[in-house]
Amino acid sequence: MYSECKKLIGECPEIDAMFGNAPVRCLIDSGSQVTTITETYYNVYFKDKVHTDSTWISLNGSHGLTIPTVGIFRTSVRIQASEFPDIYVIVVQDPVSIAVQKRKEAVPGIIGCNLIHQASQLQNKSSQLAEFAISCEHW
């Protein structure tokens, strides 16, 4: 049964990034249009960065339910040798589910298409994110 589950459920691509001066483990999610971090992570590492109101934007998950947001801020993002200045990051409320909370503690960030698209334009196509981004462009 375990081998059948591995055929059904794949591992999500993850990458280490720097948001400003803070290390963030991120899921690379081509299904997300936006880049996000959790509220707890924001409060620990970005409390000094003022976030703007996010009530004007509505995020919905693949399940169709609304994802509650706390705010939006801008920061530089570095992934391997590539620097992306002025990236908008949405702060999402922490999940209620204990299982999801534990997963989000380990991987508090999501790199979405706003950053994936920029990575696909890189001259240096050898980075893990750039390679992933280029593969997404062909879908």
C-alpha atoms as a PDB file:
ATOM      1  CA  MET A   1       0.000   0.000   0.000  1.00  0.00           C
ATOM      2  CA  TYR A   2       2.885   2.402   0.801  1.00  0.00           C
ATOM      3  CA  SER A   3       4.303   2.134  -2.729  1.00  0.00           C
ATOM      4  CA  GLU A   4       0.846   2.806  -4.177  1.00  0.00           C
ATOM      5  CA  CYS A   5       0.565   5.961  -2.050  1.00  0.00           C
ATOM      6  CA  LYS A   6       3.938   7.152  -3.357  1.00  0.00           C
ATOM      7  CA  LYS A   7       2.585   6.749  -6.891  1.00  0.00           C
ATOM      8  CA  LEU A   8      -0.505   8.753  -5.984  1.00  0.00           C
ATOM      9  CA  ILE A   9       1.003  11.516  -3.839  1.00  0.00           C
ATOM     10  CA  GLY A  10       4.181  13.260  -4.997  1.00  0.00           C
ATOM     11  CA  GLU A  11       6.640  15.300  -2.971  1.00  0.00           C
ATOM     12  CA  CYS A  12       6.267  19.046  -3.379  1.00  0.00           C
ATOM     13  CA  PRO A  13       9.326  20.949  -4.610  1.00  0.00           C
ATOM     14  CA  GLU A  14      10.901  23.050  -1.843  1.00  0.00           C
ATOM     15  CA  ILE A  15      13.776  25.516  -1.807  1.00  0.00           C
ATOM     16  CA  ASP A  16      15.651  27.657   0.710  1.00  0.00           C
ATOM     17  CA  ALA A  17      15.318  31.397   0.139  1.00  0.00           C
ATOM     18  CA  MET A  18      16.225  34.629   1.862  1.00  0.00           C
ATOM     19  CA  PHE A  19      13.410  37.128   2.258  1.00  0.00           C
ATOM     20  CA  GLY A  20      15.373  40.246   3.145  1.00  0.00           C
ATOM     21  CA  ASN A  21      17.782  38.912   5.783  1.00  0.00           C
ATOM     22  CA  ALA A  22      15.548  36.072   6.977  1.00  0.00           C
ATOM     23  CA  PRO A  23      15.969  32.462   5.840  1.00  0.00           C
ATOM     24  CA  VAL A  24      12.683  30.963   4.648  1.00  0.00           C
ATOM     25  CA  ARG A  25      12.036  27.381   3.560  1.00  0.00           C
ATOM     26  CA  CYS A  26       9.518  27.628   0.708  1.00  0.00           C
ATOM     27  CA  LEU A  27       7.251  25.421  -1.311  1.00  0.00           C
ATOM     28  CA  ILE A  28       7.548  26.187  -5.033  1.00  0.00           C
ATOM     29  CA  ASP A  29       3.906  26.286  -6.087  1.00  0.00           C
ATOM     30  CA  SER A  30       3.063  26.895  -9.740  1.00  0.00           C
ATOM     31  CA  GLY A  31      -0.609  26.744  -8.745  1.00  0.00           C
ATOM     32  CA  SER A  32      -0.249  29.840  -6.553  1.00  0.00           C
ATOM     33  CA  GLN A  33      -0.328  33.232  -8.230  1.00  0.00           C
ATOM     34  CA  VAL A  34       1.219  34.889  -5.165  1.00  0.00           C
ATOM     35  CA  THR A  35       4.159  34.475  -2.790  1.00  0.00           C
ATOM     36  CA  THR A  36       3.191  34.088   0.875  1.00  0.00           C
ATOM     37  CA  ILE A  37       4.519  33.579   4.384  1.00  0.00           C
ATOM     38  CA  THR A  38       2.670  32.673   7.546  1.00  0.00           C
ATOM     39  CA  GLU A  39       1.621  35.222  10.129  1.00  0.00           C
ATOM     40  CA  THR A  40       3.820  33.619  12.809  1.00  0.00           C
ATOM     41  CA  TYR A  41       6.879  33.788  10.558  1.00  0.00           C
ATOM     42  CA  TYR A  42       6.100  37.410   9.712  1.00  0.00           C
ATOM     43  CA  ASN A  43       5.817  38.294  13.409  1.00  0.00           C
ATOM     44  CA  VAL A  44       9.193  36.710  14.188  1.00  0.00           C
ATOM     45  CA  TYR A  45      11.254  38.014  11.251  1.00  0.00           C
ATOM     46  CA  PHE A  46       9.439  40.969   9.694  1.00  0.00           C
ATOM     47  CA  LYS A  47       7.737  42.792  12.556  1.00  0.00           C
ATOM     48  CA  ASP A  48       9.754  45.912  11.629  1.00  0.00           C
ATOM     49  CA  LYS A  49       8.409  45.824   8.054  1.00  0.00           C
ATOM     50  CA  VAL A  50       5.040  47.516   7.979  1.00  0.00           C
ATOM     51  CA  HIS A  51       2.495  45.578   5.992  1.00  0.00           C
ATOM     52  CA  THR A  52      -0.322  47.211   4.107  1.00  0.00           C
ATOM     53  CA  ASP A  53      -3.955  46.279   4.303  1.00  0.00           C
ATOM     54  CA  SER A  54      -4.902  43.184   2.303  1.00  0.00           C
ATOM     55  CA  THR A  55      -8.691  43.386   2.490  1.00  0.00           C
ATOM     56  CA  TRP A  56      -8.848  44.385  -1.187  1.00  0.00           C
ATOM     57  CA  ILE A  57      -7.435  41.033  -2.317  1.00  0.00           C
ATOM     58  CA  SER A  58      -9.206  37.703  -2.053  1.00  0.00           C
ATOM     59  CA  LEU A  59      -7.125  34.530  -1.977  1.00  0.00           C
ATOM     60  CA  ASN A  60      -8.758  31.204  -2.660  1.00  0.00           C
ATOM     61  CA  GLY A  61      -7.182  27.781  -2.344  1.00  0.00           C
ATOM     62  CA  SER A  62      -7.557  25.002  -4.873  1.00  0.00           C
ATOM     63  CA  HIS A  63     -10.433  23.748  -2.720  1.00  0.00           C
ATOM     64  CA  GLY A  64     -12.289  27.010  -3.428  1.00  0.00           C
ATOM     65  CA  LEU A  65     -12.220  28.219   0.172  1.00  0.00           C
ATOM     66  CA  THR A  66     -10.955  31.665   1.108  1.00  0.00           C
ATOM     67  CA  ILE A  67      -7.448  31.894   2.565  1.00  0.00           C
ATOM     68  CA  PRO A  68      -7.504  34.634   5.234  1.00  0.00           C
ATOM     69  CA  THR A  69      -4.794  37.255   4.840  1.00  0.00           C
ATOM     70  CA  VAL A  70      -3.215  39.656   7.342  1.00  0.00           C
ATOM     71  CA  GLY A  71      -1.352  42.038   5.054  1.00  0.00           C
ATOM     72  CA  ILE A  72       1.083  42.573   2.207  1.00  0.00           C
ATOM     73  CA  PHE A  73       4.687  43.760   2.318  1.00  0.00           C
ATOM     74  CA  ARG A  74       7.553  44.133  -0.120  1.00  0.00           C
ATOM     75  CA  THR A  75      11.027  42.705   0.289  1.00  0.00           C
ATOM     76  CA  SER A  76      13.944  41.434  -1.731  1.00  0.00           C
ATOM     77  CA  VAL A  77      14.127  37.677  -2.227  1.00  0.00           C
ATOM     78  CA  ARG A  78      17.361  35.794  -2.857  1.00  0.00           C
ATOM     79  CA  ILE A  79      17.305  32.230  -4.103  1.00  0.00           C
ATOM     80  CA  GLN A  80      20.708  30.644  -4.606  1.00  0.00           C
ATOM     81  CA  ALA A  81      22.692  33.252  -6.589  1.00  0.00           C
ATOM     82  CA  SER A  82      19.646  35.119  -7.921  1.00  0.00           C
ATOM     83  CA  GLU A  83      18.303  38.309  -6.341  1.00  0.00           C
ATOM     84  CA  PHE A  84      14.738  39.516  -6.924  1.00  0.00           C
ATOM     85  CA  PRO A  85      14.194  43.038  -5.584  1.00  0.00           C
ATOM     86  CA  ASP A  86      10.836  44.465  -4.602  1.00  0.00           C
ATOM     87  CA  ILE A  87       8.749  41.271  -4.373  1.00  0.00           C
ATOM     88  CA  TYR A  88       5.244  41.508  -2.943  1.00  0.00           C
ATOM     89  CA  VAL A  89       4.631  38.921  -0.221  1.00  0.00           C
ATOM     90  CA  ILE A  90       1.207  38.233   1.279  1.00  0.00           C
ATOM     91  CA  VAL A  91       1.033  37.392   4.976  1.00  0.00           C
ATOM     92  CA  VAL A  92      -1.553  34.650   5.509  1.00  0.00           C
ATOM     93  CA  GLN A  93      -3.230  33.788   8.784  1.00  0.00           C
ATOM     94  CA  ASP A  94      -1.848  30.769  10.555  1.00  0.00           C
ATOM     95  CA  PRO A  95      -3.771  27.558   9.898  1.00  0.00           C
ATOM     96  CA  VAL A  96      -6.144  26.194  12.523  1.00  0.00           C
ATOM     97  CA  SER A  97      -5.340  22.526  11.889  1.00  0.00           C
ATOM     98  CA  ILE A  98      -2.525  21.187  14.087  1.00  0.00           C
ATOM     99  CA  ALA A  99      -1.218  18.993  11.248  1.00  0.00           C
ATOM    100  CA  VAL A 100      -1.070  21.953   8.846  1.00  0.00           C
ATOM    101  CA  GLN A 101       0.490  24.159  11.553  1.00  0.00           C
ATOM    102  CA  LYS A 102       3.339  21.664  11.947  1.00  0.00           C
ATOM    103  CA  ARG A 103       3.896  21.543   8.187  1.00  0.00           C
ATOM    104  CA  LYS A 104       3.838  25.362   7.980  1.00  0.00           C
ATOM    105  CA  GLU A 105       6.380  25.628  10.825  1.00  0.00           C
ATOM    106  CA  ALA A 106       8.807  23.591   8.705  1.00  0.00           C
ATOM    107  CA  VAL A 107       7.917  25.319   5.416  1.00  0.00           C
ATOM    108  CA  PRO A 108       6.434  28.764   6.195  1.00  0.00           C
ATOM    109  CA  GLY A 109       6.754  30.216   2.691  1.00  0.00           C
ATOM    110  CA  ILE A 110       5.222  29.669  -0.711  1.00  0.00           C
ATOM    111  CA  ILE A 111       6.914  30.929  -3.835  1.00  0.00           C
ATOM    112  CA  GLY A 112       4.143  31.657  -6.288  1.00  0.00           C
ATOM    113  CA  CYS A 113       3.927  32.638  -9.936  1.00  0.00           C
ATOM    114  CA  ASN A 114       4.687  36.316  -9.269  1.00  0.00           C
ATOM    115  CA  LEU A 115       8.234  35.158  -8.460  1.00  0.00           C
ATOM    116  CA  ILE A 116       8.357  31.986 -10.584  1.00  0.00           C
ATOM    117  CA  HIS A 117       7.732  34.047 -13.718  1.00  0.00           C
ATOM    118  CA  GLN A 118      10.616  36.381 -12.868  1.00  0.00           C
ATOM    119  CA  ALA A 119      12.877  33.370 -12.298  1.00  0.00           C
ATOM    120  CA  SER A 120      12.016  32.016 -15.756  1.00  0.00           C
ATOM    121  CA  GLN A 121      13.424  35.233 -17.247  1.00  0.00           C
ATOM    122  CA  LEU A 122      16.844  34.785 -15.613  1.00  0.00           C
ATOM    123  CA  GLN A 123      19.953  34.662 -17.759  1.00  0.00           C
ATOM    124  CA  ASN A 124      21.393  32.007 -15.415  1.00  0.00           C
ATOM    125  CA  LYS A 125      19.063  29.098 -16.103  1.00  0.00           C
ATOM    126  CA  SER A 126      21.019  26.699 -13.887  1.00  0.00           C
ATOM    127  CA  SER A 127      19.304  27.575 -10.599  1.00  0.00           C
ATOM    128  CA  GLN A 128      16.781  25.091  -9.221  1.00  0.00           C
ATOM    129  CA  LEU A 129      13.995  27.686  -9.278  1.00  0.00           C
ATOM    130  CA  ALA A 130      14.821  28.825 -12.822  1.00  0.00           C
ATOM    131  CA  GLU A 131      14.782  25.240 -14.067  1.00  0.00           C
ATOM    132  CA  PHE A 132      11.429  24.665 -12.364  1.00  0.00           C
ATOM    133  CA  ALA A 133      10.076  27.960 -13.739  1.00  0.00           C
ATOM    134  CA  ILE A 134      11.116  27.087 -17.263  1.00  0.00           C
ATOM    135  CA  SER A 135       9.377  23.723 -16.992  1.00  0.00           C
ATOM    136  CA  CYS A 136       6.213  25.532 -15.821  1.00  0.00           C
ATOM    137  CA  GLU A 137       6.324  27.816 -18.879  1.00  0.00           C
ATOM    138  CA  HIS A 138       5.808  24.745 -21.088  1.00  0.00           C
ATOM    139  CA  TRP A 139       2.562  23.654 -19.367  1.00  0.00           C
END
